[in-house]
Amino acid sequence: MRKIILIAIIILLSGCGSVISREARRGVDRSITPSMVQIEPDTYSNQKIIWGGIIISTNNLKDRSIIEVLHIPSKRTGEAGGSEPPQGRFLINAIGYLDPLTYRKNMKIVVAGSIKGIVVKKLDVMEYTYPLIEPVEMHLFNPGEERVSPY
C-alpha cells in the first residue's frame, strides 16, 4: 500500500514541475522583466531569463523566425497566466523556420534564453522598444496537448 501511495505522490509532483529543463533554468534571473530591459538594456545584456506570455505574431525571415510575445507573469510551471497584469512585449529571435500555424496568435509560450539587446520598431503609430531574446529552449502550451521545442 505504501508503494502505491509513494508512486502516486511522485506522479503528482512530476506534473507540477517546470516545463523548462533544469539545465536551461540554471543561472536564470527571475527578477528581470521586459520593462526593466527597455529602460536599461545594457545592464541586462546576456542575462539569462525565463519569460512567458501570449504570442502576438510569428514572422519568418530568410534564416530565422521572430516571435512577438505579450509578456504575462507565469505560474510555477512556466505557463503564462499569473495574477499580475501584462508587463510589456518582447521578441524571440529563433534560428530557422517556425511554422506560423504552430506558433500562432494567442498561443501561450514560455522561453528560456539570453537577452541580446533591444529592437525599436513601430507599434501602431508609436515607436516601441522590444527586448530581444535568443532562445535556448521554448515550450508551447497547446490546449489538450503540450509540445516542447528544445534548442
Protein backbone atom coordinates (compact mmCIF):
# COMPACT_ATOMS: atom_id res chain seq x y z
CA MET A 1 0.00 0.00 0.00
CA ARG A 2 2.83 2.40 0.86
CA LYS A 3 4.41 1.76 -2.53
CA ILE A 4 1.20 2.73 -4.32
CA ILE A 5 0.88 5.95 -2.30
CA LEU A 6 4.55 6.82 -2.93
CA ILE A 7 4.18 6.22 -6.68
CA ALA A 8 1.02 8.37 -6.76
CA ILE A 9 2.80 11.22 -4.96
CA ILE A 10 5.76 11.04 -7.36
CA ILE A 11 3.42 11.14 -10.37
CA LEU A 12 1.52 14.12 -8.96
CA LEU A 13 4.67 16.05 -8.13
CA SER A 14 6.26 15.42 -11.52
CA GLY A 15 3.23 17.00 -13.17
CA CYS A 16 3.71 20.22 -11.20
CA GLY A 17 7.29 20.91 -12.32
CA SER A 18 8.59 23.43 -14.77
CA VAL A 19 8.22 22.78 -18.49
CA ILE A 20 11.73 24.18 -18.98
CA SER A 21 14.61 21.78 -18.33
CA ARG A 22 16.77 22.07 -15.24
CA GLU A 23 19.79 22.83 -17.44
CA ALA A 24 18.02 25.76 -19.16
CA ARG A 25 16.86 27.10 -15.76
CA ARG A 26 20.42 27.17 -14.39
CA GLY A 27 21.67 30.75 -13.86
CA VAL A 28 18.32 32.38 -14.67
CA ASP A 29 17.45 35.69 -13.02
CA ARG A 30 13.66 35.54 -12.50
CA SER A 31 13.51 39.13 -11.24
CA ILE A 32 14.23 40.67 -14.67
CA THR A 33 11.17 41.93 -16.56
CA PRO A 34 10.82 43.29 -20.11
CA SER A 35 10.16 46.79 -18.76
CA MET A 36 13.47 46.71 -16.87
CA VAL A 37 15.31 45.77 -20.07
CA GLN A 38 13.52 48.52 -22.02
CA ILE A 39 14.82 51.12 -19.56
CA GLU A 40 18.39 49.81 -19.16
CA PRO A 41 19.20 47.37 -21.99
CA ASP A 42 23.00 47.43 -21.45
CA THR A 43 22.60 46.44 -17.80
CA TYR A 44 20.81 43.21 -18.75
CA SER A 45 22.75 42.22 -21.87
CA ASN A 46 23.39 38.44 -21.98
CA GLN A 47 21.42 37.83 -18.76
CA LYS A 48 19.55 34.52 -18.70
CA ILE A 49 15.78 34.77 -18.34
CA ILE A 50 12.65 32.67 -18.49
CA TRP A 51 9.67 34.65 -19.72
CA GLY A 52 6.20 33.53 -20.67
CA GLY A 53 3.34 35.14 -22.48
CA ILE A 54 0.93 35.05 -25.35
CA ILE A 55 2.08 35.04 -28.97
CA ILE A 56 1.06 38.13 -30.90
CA SER A 57 2.67 37.15 -34.21
CA THR A 58 5.29 34.94 -35.86
CA ASN A 59 7.22 36.23 -38.86
CA ASN A 60 9.73 34.19 -40.84
CA LEU A 61 12.79 35.81 -42.35
CA LYS A 62 15.42 34.20 -44.58
CA ASP A 63 17.18 32.25 -41.82
CA ARG A 64 15.20 32.88 -38.65
CA SER A 65 11.77 33.42 -37.14
CA ILE A 66 10.75 36.37 -34.99
CA ILE A 67 8.01 35.73 -32.44
CA GLU A 68 6.38 38.77 -30.84
CA VAL A 69 5.09 37.97 -27.36
CA LEU A 70 2.98 39.84 -24.81
CA HIS A 71 4.76 39.11 -21.54
CA ILE A 72 2.49 37.78 -18.82
CA PRO A 73 3.99 36.71 -15.48
CA SER A 74 3.94 32.96 -15.28
CA LYS A 75 2.72 30.29 -12.95
CA ARG A 76 5.20 27.98 -11.24
CA THR A 77 5.14 25.62 -14.25
CA GLY A 78 6.20 28.44 -16.58
CA GLU A 79 2.78 28.80 -18.20
CA ALA A 80 1.65 32.39 -18.70
CA GLY A 81 -1.32 33.24 -16.56
CA GLY A 82 -0.23 34.52 -13.21
CA SER A 83 -2.38 37.07 -11.40
CA GLU A 84 -0.24 40.07 -12.41
CA PRO A 85 -1.08 42.21 -15.48
CA PRO A 86 0.98 42.05 -18.71
CA GLN A 87 4.44 43.62 -18.40
CA GLY A 88 5.24 44.64 -21.95
CA ARG A 89 6.26 42.88 -25.13
CA PHE A 90 9.39 41.09 -26.24
CA LEU A 91 10.77 39.36 -29.33
CA ILE A 92 12.14 35.83 -29.62
CA ASN A 93 14.84 35.58 -32.31
CA ALA A 94 14.80 31.88 -33.20
CA ILE A 95 17.17 30.40 -35.77
CA GLY A 96 15.39 28.55 -38.57
CA TYR A 97 11.79 28.29 -39.70
CA LEU A 98 8.95 28.12 -37.18
CA ASP A 99 5.56 27.42 -38.71
CA PRO A 100 3.19 30.34 -38.00
CA LEU A 101 0.31 27.86 -37.76
CA THR A 102 2.05 26.12 -34.88
CA TYR A 103 3.42 29.30 -33.27
CA ARG A 104 0.16 31.12 -33.85
CA LYS A 105 -1.52 34.13 -32.34
CA ASN A 106 -2.95 33.67 -28.81
CA MET A 107 -0.89 30.54 -28.05
CA LYS A 108 0.79 30.54 -24.65
CA ILE A 109 4.57 30.20 -24.79
CA VAL A 110 7.50 30.17 -22.39
CA VAL A 111 11.10 30.77 -23.45
CA ALA A 112 14.41 30.29 -21.69
CA GLY A 113 17.25 32.23 -23.21
CA SER A 114 19.55 35.24 -23.11
CA ILE A 115 18.81 38.92 -23.55
CA LYS A 116 20.58 40.09 -26.71
CA GLY A 117 19.65 43.77 -26.66
CA ILE A 118 16.65 45.69 -27.88
CA VAL A 119 14.88 46.32 -31.17
CA VAL A 120 12.94 49.53 -31.75
CA LYS A 121 10.09 49.22 -34.23
CA LYS A 122 6.67 50.65 -34.93
CA LEU A 123 3.73 49.51 -32.84
CA ASP A 124 0.68 51.14 -34.37
CA VAL A 125 1.69 54.84 -34.53
CA MET A 126 4.41 54.82 -31.87
CA GLU A 127 7.98 53.53 -31.59
CA TYR A 128 8.21 50.58 -29.19
CA THR A 129 11.35 49.13 -27.58
CA TYR A 130 11.33 45.33 -27.62
CA PRO A 131 13.80 43.26 -25.59
CA LEU A 132 15.32 40.67 -27.96
CA ILE A 133 15.70 37.11 -26.65
CA GLU A 134 17.92 34.40 -28.11
CA PRO A 135 16.18 31.15 -27.11
CA VAL A 136 17.81 28.10 -25.61
CA GLU A 137 14.52 26.29 -25.03
CA MET A 138 10.86 27.06 -25.77
CA HIS A 139 7.60 25.43 -24.81
CA LEU A 140 4.15 25.96 -26.33
CA PHE A 141 1.04 25.37 -24.25
CA ASN A 142 -1.36 23.85 -26.74
CA PRO A 143 -4.86 23.19 -25.38
CA GLY A 144 -5.08 19.48 -24.70
CA GLU A 145 -1.57 18.79 -25.96
CA GLU A 146 1.84 20.06 -24.85
CA ARG A 147 4.74 20.40 -27.25
CA VAL A 148 8.35 21.07 -26.28
CA SER A 149 10.75 22.74 -28.70
CA PRO A 150 14.31 22.28 -27.38
CA TYR A 151 17.10 24.41 -28.81
